[in-house]
Protein backbone atom coordinates (compact mmCIF):
# COMPACT_ATOMS: atom_id res chain seq x y z
CA MET A 1 28.79 -39.25 -79.56
CA ASN A 2 26.76 -37.22 -77.11
CA PRO A 3 25.42 -34.16 -78.98
CA ILE A 4 26.67 -31.70 -76.32
CA ILE A 5 30.18 -33.16 -76.43
CA GLY A 6 30.19 -33.08 -80.24
CA ALA A 7 28.93 -29.50 -80.41
CA ASN A 8 31.44 -28.33 -77.80
CA LEU A 9 34.31 -30.04 -79.61
CA ARG A 10 33.34 -28.37 -82.89
CA ASP A 11 33.02 -24.97 -81.20
CA ALA A 12 36.32 -25.38 -79.34
CA LYS A 13 38.11 -26.35 -82.56
CA ALA A 14 36.68 -23.31 -84.38
CA THR A 15 37.72 -21.03 -81.50
CA LEU A 16 41.27 -22.35 -81.42
CA GLU A 17 41.57 -22.05 -85.20
CA GLN A 18 40.49 -18.39 -84.89
CA VAL A 19 43.22 -17.86 -82.29
CA ALA A 20 45.82 -18.69 -84.95
CA SER A 21 45.10 -15.29 -86.52
CA LEU A 22 46.55 -13.67 -83.37
CA GLU A 23 50.13 -14.81 -83.98
CA SER A 24 51.64 -11.32 -84.07
CA GLN A 25 49.82 -10.35 -80.85
CA ILE A 26 50.96 -13.59 -79.19
CA VAL A 27 54.59 -12.97 -80.14
CA GLY A 28 54.30 -9.31 -79.10
CA THR A 29 52.79 -10.23 -75.74
CA ALA A 30 55.47 -12.83 -75.01
CA GLY A 31 58.21 -10.35 -75.94
CA ALA A 32 56.73 -7.56 -73.82
CA ILE A 33 56.37 -9.80 -70.75
CA ALA A 34 59.87 -11.25 -71.09
CA ASP A 35 61.41 -7.81 -71.63
CA ALA A 36 59.61 -6.39 -68.59
CA LEU A 37 60.52 -9.26 -66.26
CA LEU A 38 64.13 -9.39 -67.43
CA ALA A 39 64.39 -5.63 -66.80
CA GLY A 40 63.30 -6.13 -63.18
CA ASN A 41 59.69 -5.01 -63.62
CA LYS A 42 56.56 -6.81 -62.50
CA LEU A 43 53.45 -8.31 -64.01
CA MET A 44 49.97 -7.56 -62.65
CA ALA A 45 46.79 -9.29 -63.81
CA CYS A 46 43.09 -8.79 -63.17
CA GLY A 47 39.65 -10.05 -64.13
CA ASN A 48 36.29 -11.02 -62.65
CA GLY A 49 34.91 -14.49 -61.92
CA GLY A 50 36.51 -17.08 -64.21
CA SER A 51 38.75 -14.33 -65.55
CA ALA A 52 39.95 -13.68 -61.98
CA ALA A 53 40.90 -17.35 -61.82
CA ASP A 54 42.73 -16.95 -65.14
CA ALA A 55 44.58 -13.89 -63.78
CA SER A 56 45.69 -15.89 -60.74
CA HIS A 57 46.59 -18.89 -62.89
CA LEU A 58 48.73 -16.72 -65.18
CA THR A 59 50.61 -14.97 -62.36
CA THR A 60 51.29 -18.29 -60.64
CA GLU A 61 53.08 -19.51 -63.77
CA PHE A 62 55.65 -16.73 -63.26
CA VAL A 63 55.96 -16.79 -59.47
CA CYS A 64 56.38 -20.58 -59.48
CA ARG A 65 57.21 -21.93 -62.94
CA PHE A 66 55.49 -23.07 -66.10
CA ASN A 67 57.38 -26.06 -67.52
CA LYS A 68 60.98 -25.59 -66.47
CA ASP A 69 62.80 -24.88 -63.25
CA ARG A 70 63.98 -21.29 -63.12
CA ARG A 71 64.04 -18.42 -60.69
CA PRO A 72 60.71 -16.82 -59.73
CA TYR A 73 59.55 -13.54 -61.24
CA PRO A 74 57.26 -10.89 -59.68
CA ALA A 75 53.66 -11.35 -60.75
CA ILE A 76 50.59 -10.27 -58.78
CA SER A 77 46.96 -11.23 -59.28
CA LEU A 78 44.96 -8.13 -58.35
CA ALA A 79 41.90 -10.37 -57.94
CA ALA A 80 43.48 -12.45 -55.16
CA GLN A 81 43.64 -10.02 -52.24
CA GLY A 82 40.31 -10.27 -50.45
CA GLY A 83 41.11 -7.51 -47.96
CA ASP A 84 42.10 -5.05 -50.68
CA LEU A 85 39.14 -5.93 -52.89
CA THR A 86 36.53 -5.60 -50.16
CA ALA A 87 38.01 -2.45 -48.64
CA ILE A 88 38.22 -0.68 -51.99
CA GLY A 89 34.76 -1.91 -53.00
CA ASN A 90 33.33 -0.71 -49.69
CA ASP A 91 35.20 2.58 -49.29
CA TYR A 92 35.14 3.61 -52.96
CA GLU A 93 33.22 1.49 -55.42
CA PHE A 94 33.51 -1.87 -57.15
CA ASN A 95 34.68 -0.21 -60.38
CA GLU A 96 37.85 0.88 -58.54
CA ILE A 97 38.95 -2.52 -57.12
CA PHE A 98 41.67 -3.05 -59.73
CA SER A 99 42.58 0.54 -60.60
CA ARG A 100 43.43 1.42 -56.97
CA GLN A 101 45.78 -1.55 -56.86
CA VAL A 102 47.35 -0.52 -60.18
CA GLN A 103 47.93 2.92 -58.62
CA ALA A 104 49.47 1.28 -55.54
CA PHE A 105 51.72 -1.24 -57.30
CA GLY A 106 52.17 -0.09 -60.90
CA LYS A 107 55.31 1.66 -62.12
CA PRO A 108 56.43 2.58 -65.63
CA GLY A 109 57.83 -0.55 -67.26
CA ASP A 110 55.45 -2.89 -65.45
CA ILE A 111 52.72 -4.78 -67.31
CA LEU A 112 49.02 -5.08 -66.57
CA ILE A 113 47.23 -8.04 -68.13
CA ALA A 114 43.46 -7.64 -68.06
CA PHE A 115 40.99 -10.44 -68.73
CA THR A 116 37.35 -9.83 -69.67
CA THR A 117 35.32 -12.32 -71.66
CA SER A 118 32.60 -9.75 -72.38
CA GLY A 119 34.88 -6.76 -72.87
CA ARG A 120 32.39 -4.81 -70.77
CA SER A 121 33.82 -5.12 -67.25
CA ALA A 122 33.84 -1.57 -65.90
CA ASN A 123 36.49 -2.32 -63.26
CA VAL A 124 38.80 -3.90 -65.84
CA ARG A 125 38.25 -0.96 -68.18
CA ARG A 126 39.11 1.47 -65.37
CA ALA A 127 42.30 -0.49 -64.56
CA LEU A 128 43.39 -0.30 -68.22
CA VAL A 129 42.85 3.47 -68.28
CA VAL A 130 44.76 4.05 -65.03
CA ALA A 131 47.60 1.77 -66.15
CA ARG A 132 47.94 3.69 -69.41
CA ASP A 133 48.11 6.97 -67.46
CA LEU A 134 50.88 5.51 -65.26
CA LYS A 135 52.89 4.32 -68.31
CA VAL A 136 52.25 0.68 -67.39
CA LYS A 137 52.15 -1.46 -70.55
CA THR A 138 48.74 -3.05 -71.02
CA ILE A 139 47.66 -6.35 -72.54
CA ALA A 140 43.97 -7.26 -72.77
CA PHE A 141 42.53 -10.73 -73.22
CA LEU A 142 39.09 -9.90 -74.59
CA GLY A 143 36.05 -11.79 -75.80
CA LYS A 144 33.05 -11.31 -78.06
CA ASP A 145 33.60 -8.00 -79.93
CA GLY A 146 35.97 -6.53 -77.32
CA GLY A 147 33.23 -4.40 -75.77
CA THR A 148 34.09 -1.11 -74.10
CA CYS A 149 37.64 -2.34 -73.39
CA ALA A 150 38.49 -2.59 -77.09
CA GLY A 151 41.11 -0.07 -78.10
CA LEU A 152 42.40 0.59 -74.58
CA ALA A 153 45.33 -1.83 -74.37
CA ASP A 154 48.72 -1.74 -76.04
CA ILE A 155 48.13 -5.33 -77.18
CA GLU A 156 44.74 -7.00 -77.53
CA LEU A 157 44.10 -10.72 -77.79
CA LEU A 158 40.48 -10.95 -78.92
CA VAL A 159 38.69 -14.31 -78.94
CA THR A 160 35.54 -13.54 -80.91
CA SER A 161 33.36 -16.45 -79.80
CA GLY A 162 29.98 -15.56 -78.34
CA VAL A 163 30.23 -18.41 -75.80
CA THR A 164 31.99 -17.54 -72.54
CA ALA A 165 33.36 -21.05 -72.03
CA ARG A 166 34.96 -21.05 -75.50
CA ILE A 167 36.43 -17.57 -74.88
CA GLN A 168 37.97 -18.77 -71.60
CA GLU A 169 39.38 -21.86 -73.33
CA GLY A 170 40.86 -19.61 -76.01
CA HIS A 171 42.33 -17.30 -73.37
CA GLN A 172 43.88 -20.24 -71.54
CA PHE A 173 45.40 -21.60 -74.75
CA LEU A 174 46.79 -18.14 -75.47
CA PHE A 175 48.31 -17.53 -72.07
CA HIS A 176 49.76 -21.04 -71.82
CA THR A 177 51.41 -20.53 -75.22
CA ILE A 178 52.68 -17.12 -74.12
CA CYS A 179 54.02 -18.57 -70.84
CA GLU A 180 55.93 -21.21 -72.77
CA MET A 181 57.44 -18.59 -75.08
CA VAL A 182 58.36 -16.29 -72.19
CA GLU A 183 59.86 -19.11 -70.18
CA GLU A 184 62.27 -19.89 -73.01
CA ARG A 185 63.69 -16.36 -72.60
CA LEU A 186 63.58 -16.43 -68.80
CA GLN A 187 65.46 -19.72 -68.73
CA SER A 188 68.58 -17.95 -69.96
CA ASP A 189 68.33 -15.50 -67.03
CA SER A 190 68.26 -18.23 -64.35
């Protein structure tokens, strides 16, 4: 076997085995999302780079569907609106690109899901702080040691790998599992 493939497979397996220790956070996240959506609230998600793609991927699973046909639910990727992002970044600063949107869209009972593989994204950190102040429930998908975002969210899903690609793979496994669990509850609402 190619040494890169073998090493990546070993690392990915170790990362996914570590994720098993997050069972209570996984169950808690799925319950919080289902409760919020079934109560008529919305889901917001944010992140930078690959984490922005994960935020968009996650919200699409609720607006469209994951595995089963059901009604759509309100979910917004705060990383997807180019006009909002560039205006806020230009008129304020890049650290405010998500927090201004949380202020605009977030209401008590809503959920903000924040992705940061380093745990050190200042704009994600700021969004978590603003969401908490607005009584928006927060869930953080973190990497490495959690960085400066550790301790800010109501629920944290920490993938402790030092390799960004493995963290993202862990995050995707987590949110796909969560989507499947949530969809089971949403199915009864359709």
